[in-house]
Amino acid sequence: MTKCDVSLSADVEIEIPFEDGDPMGVTWHGNYFRYLERARCRLLDKIGYGYRAMLESGYSWPIVDTRVKFIRPTEFQQRIRIVANLEEYENRLKLGYEITELESGERTTKGYTIQVAIDNATGELCFVSPPILVEKIRACA
């Protein structure tokens, strides 16, 4: 896969809610996927190709691969910033993420998600990204 030739990112800030903690007082690992989703949605909305627009264009974009690396724990009421960066888009949609603690600026988490286009009419995997995605990204670059 070729690296992205455009620079595109979006970020969100959240305060870790009480219910996201585990019995040890740290954020339960499964909640990080919701945090990444918020940043991913912000980036997709930024290019005008959010999930509703994807469906309207005739494609679904399931996540087929993801990775999260936990560097330091977060906890209740901690404020964090989640940044999503476009890394690849020509054959698949790969977004990289970085979560930092707002007060100190220290990185707490990093990861990525990979999504592929599925043609809703045929149910088939697209081996190149549909032109609509490429056009939306290049228009924002």
Protein backbone atom coordinates (compact mmCIF):
# COMPACT_ATOMS: atom_id res chain seq x y z
CA MET A 1 0.00 0.00 0.00
CA THR A 2 1.22 3.47 -0.78
CA LYS A 3 1.33 6.09 1.91
CA CYS A 4 -1.13 8.93 1.76
CA ASP A 5 -0.23 11.84 -0.52
CA VAL A 6 -2.55 14.27 1.30
CA SER A 7 -2.47 15.49 4.86
CA LEU A 8 -5.85 15.28 6.52
CA SER A 9 -6.68 14.98 10.19
CA ALA A 10 -9.41 15.68 12.71
CA ASP A 11 -9.55 15.61 16.48
CA VAL A 12 -11.99 15.45 19.36
CA GLU A 13 -11.55 16.10 23.05
CA ILE A 14 -13.37 14.16 25.75
CA GLU A 15 -13.40 13.77 29.49
CA ILE A 16 -13.25 10.13 30.56
CA PRO A 17 -16.67 9.35 32.09
CA PHE A 18 -17.08 7.40 35.32
CA GLU A 19 -18.73 4.43 33.60
CA ASP A 20 -15.69 3.88 31.35
CA GLY A 21 -13.50 2.81 34.26
CA ASP A 22 -12.76 -0.74 35.30
CA PRO A 23 -12.55 -2.03 38.89
CA MET A 24 -8.89 -0.96 39.04
CA GLY A 25 -9.81 2.66 38.34
CA VAL A 26 -8.42 2.88 34.82
CA THR A 27 -10.25 3.18 31.54
CA TRP A 28 -11.36 -0.25 30.35
CA HIS A 29 -9.52 -1.11 27.12
CA GLY A 30 -12.68 -1.77 25.08
CA ASN A 31 -13.81 1.84 25.47
CA TYR A 32 -10.91 3.10 23.38
CA PHE A 33 -12.62 1.87 20.23
CA ARG A 34 -15.51 4.26 20.96
CA TYR A 35 -13.02 7.09 21.37
CA LEU A 36 -11.36 6.26 18.05
CA GLU A 37 -14.81 6.14 16.45
CA ARG A 38 -15.51 9.73 17.53
CA ALA A 39 -12.34 10.95 15.83
CA ARG A 40 -12.97 8.79 12.76
CA CYS A 41 -16.50 10.23 12.41
CA ARG A 42 -15.12 13.76 12.75
CA LEU A 43 -12.61 13.09 9.95
CA LEU A 44 -15.21 11.49 7.67
CA ASP A 45 -17.61 14.39 8.28
CA LYS A 46 -14.78 16.81 7.50
CA ILE A 47 -14.44 15.35 4.01
CA GLY A 48 -18.21 15.13 3.55
CA TYR A 49 -18.27 11.35 3.50
CA GLY A 50 -19.73 10.28 6.83
CA TYR A 51 -21.48 6.95 7.29
CA ARG A 52 -24.83 8.12 5.86
CA ALA A 53 -23.07 9.55 2.79
CA MET A 54 -21.21 6.25 2.39
CA LEU A 55 -24.46 4.31 2.33
CA GLU A 56 -26.09 6.81 -0.02
CA SER A 57 -23.14 6.41 -2.41
CA GLY A 58 -23.75 2.66 -2.53
CA TYR A 59 -20.91 1.43 -0.34
CA SER A 60 -20.43 0.02 3.12
CA TRP A 61 -17.07 0.40 4.83
CA PRO A 62 -16.55 -2.31 7.47
CA ILE A 63 -13.47 -2.27 9.63
CA VAL A 64 -11.35 -5.27 8.71
CA ASP A 65 -8.30 -4.62 10.87
CA THR A 66 -7.48 -2.56 13.92
CA ARG A 67 -4.72 -2.16 16.44
CA VAL A 68 -4.46 -0.24 19.67
CA LYS A 69 -1.25 0.15 21.66
CA PHE A 70 -1.70 1.29 25.24
CA ILE A 71 1.23 3.38 26.40
CA ARG A 72 -0.09 4.75 29.70
CA PRO A 73 -3.48 4.38 31.38
CA THR A 74 -6.21 6.99 31.49
CA GLU A 75 -8.82 7.35 34.23
CA PHE A 76 -12.07 8.97 35.29
CA GLN A 77 -12.29 12.74 34.60
CA GLN A 78 -9.02 12.84 32.70
CA ARG A 79 -9.28 15.00 29.59
CA ILE A 80 -7.88 13.52 26.41
CA ARG A 81 -7.53 14.48 22.76
CA ILE A 82 -8.02 11.87 20.06
CA VAL A 83 -6.50 12.70 16.67
CA ALA A 84 -7.34 10.73 13.52
CA ASN A 85 -4.93 11.01 10.58
CA LEU A 86 -5.58 9.81 7.06
CA GLU A 87 -2.80 7.37 6.19
CA GLU A 88 -4.08 5.52 3.09
CA TYR A 89 -7.12 5.84 0.87
CA GLU A 90 -6.47 4.54 -2.66
CA ASN A 91 -7.14 0.84 -2.00
CA ARG A 92 -8.44 0.95 1.55
CA LEU A 93 -9.17 3.55 4.17
CA LYS A 94 -6.48 3.49 6.84
CA LEU A 95 -6.63 5.97 9.68
CA GLY A 96 -3.95 6.33 12.32
CA TYR A 97 -4.81 7.56 15.80
CA GLU A 98 -3.02 9.20 18.67
CA ILE A 99 -4.53 9.89 22.06
CA THR A 100 -2.85 12.42 24.30
CA GLU A 101 -3.58 13.66 27.79
CA LEU A 102 -4.66 17.31 27.47
CA GLU A 103 -2.97 18.70 30.55
CA SER A 104 0.48 17.23 30.00
CA GLY A 105 0.37 16.56 26.26
CA GLU A 106 1.74 13.08 26.88
CA ARG A 107 0.74 10.32 24.49
CA THR A 108 -1.35 7.63 26.15
CA THR A 109 -2.44 5.50 23.21
CA LYS A 110 -1.85 4.99 19.50
CA GLY A 111 -3.41 2.77 16.90
CA TYR A 112 -5.05 2.41 13.52
CA THR A 113 -8.16 1.14 11.77
CA ILE A 114 -8.47 -0.22 8.24
CA GLN A 115 -11.75 -0.15 6.37
CA VAL A 116 -12.52 -1.52 2.91
CA ALA A 117 -15.32 -0.66 0.52
CA ILE A 118 -18.07 -3.17 -0.14
CA ASP A 119 -20.36 -2.54 -3.11
CA ASN A 120 -23.83 -2.72 -1.57
CA ALA A 121 -25.46 -3.77 -4.87
CA THR A 122 -23.26 -6.83 -5.34
CA GLY A 123 -21.87 -7.45 -1.86
CA GLU A 124 -18.40 -7.64 -3.36
CA LEU A 125 -15.19 -6.22 -1.94
CA CYS A 126 -13.72 -3.35 -3.94
CA PHE A 127 -9.99 -3.74 -4.50
CA VAL A 128 -9.61 -0.02 -5.11
CA SER A 129 -11.43 2.72 -3.27
CA PRO A 130 -14.53 4.01 -5.06
CA PRO A 131 -13.99 7.28 -6.97
CA ILE A 132 -16.37 9.11 -4.59
CA LEU A 133 -13.95 8.65 -1.66
CA VAL A 134 -10.92 9.71 -3.70
CA GLU A 135 -12.76 12.81 -4.97
CA LYS A 136 -13.91 13.81 -1.47
CA ILE A 137 -10.40 13.47 -0.03
CA ARG A 138 -8.66 15.31 -2.84
CA ALA A 139 -11.23 18.13 -2.65
CA CYS A 140 -10.30 18.69 1.01
CA ALA A 141 -6.55 18.46 0.57
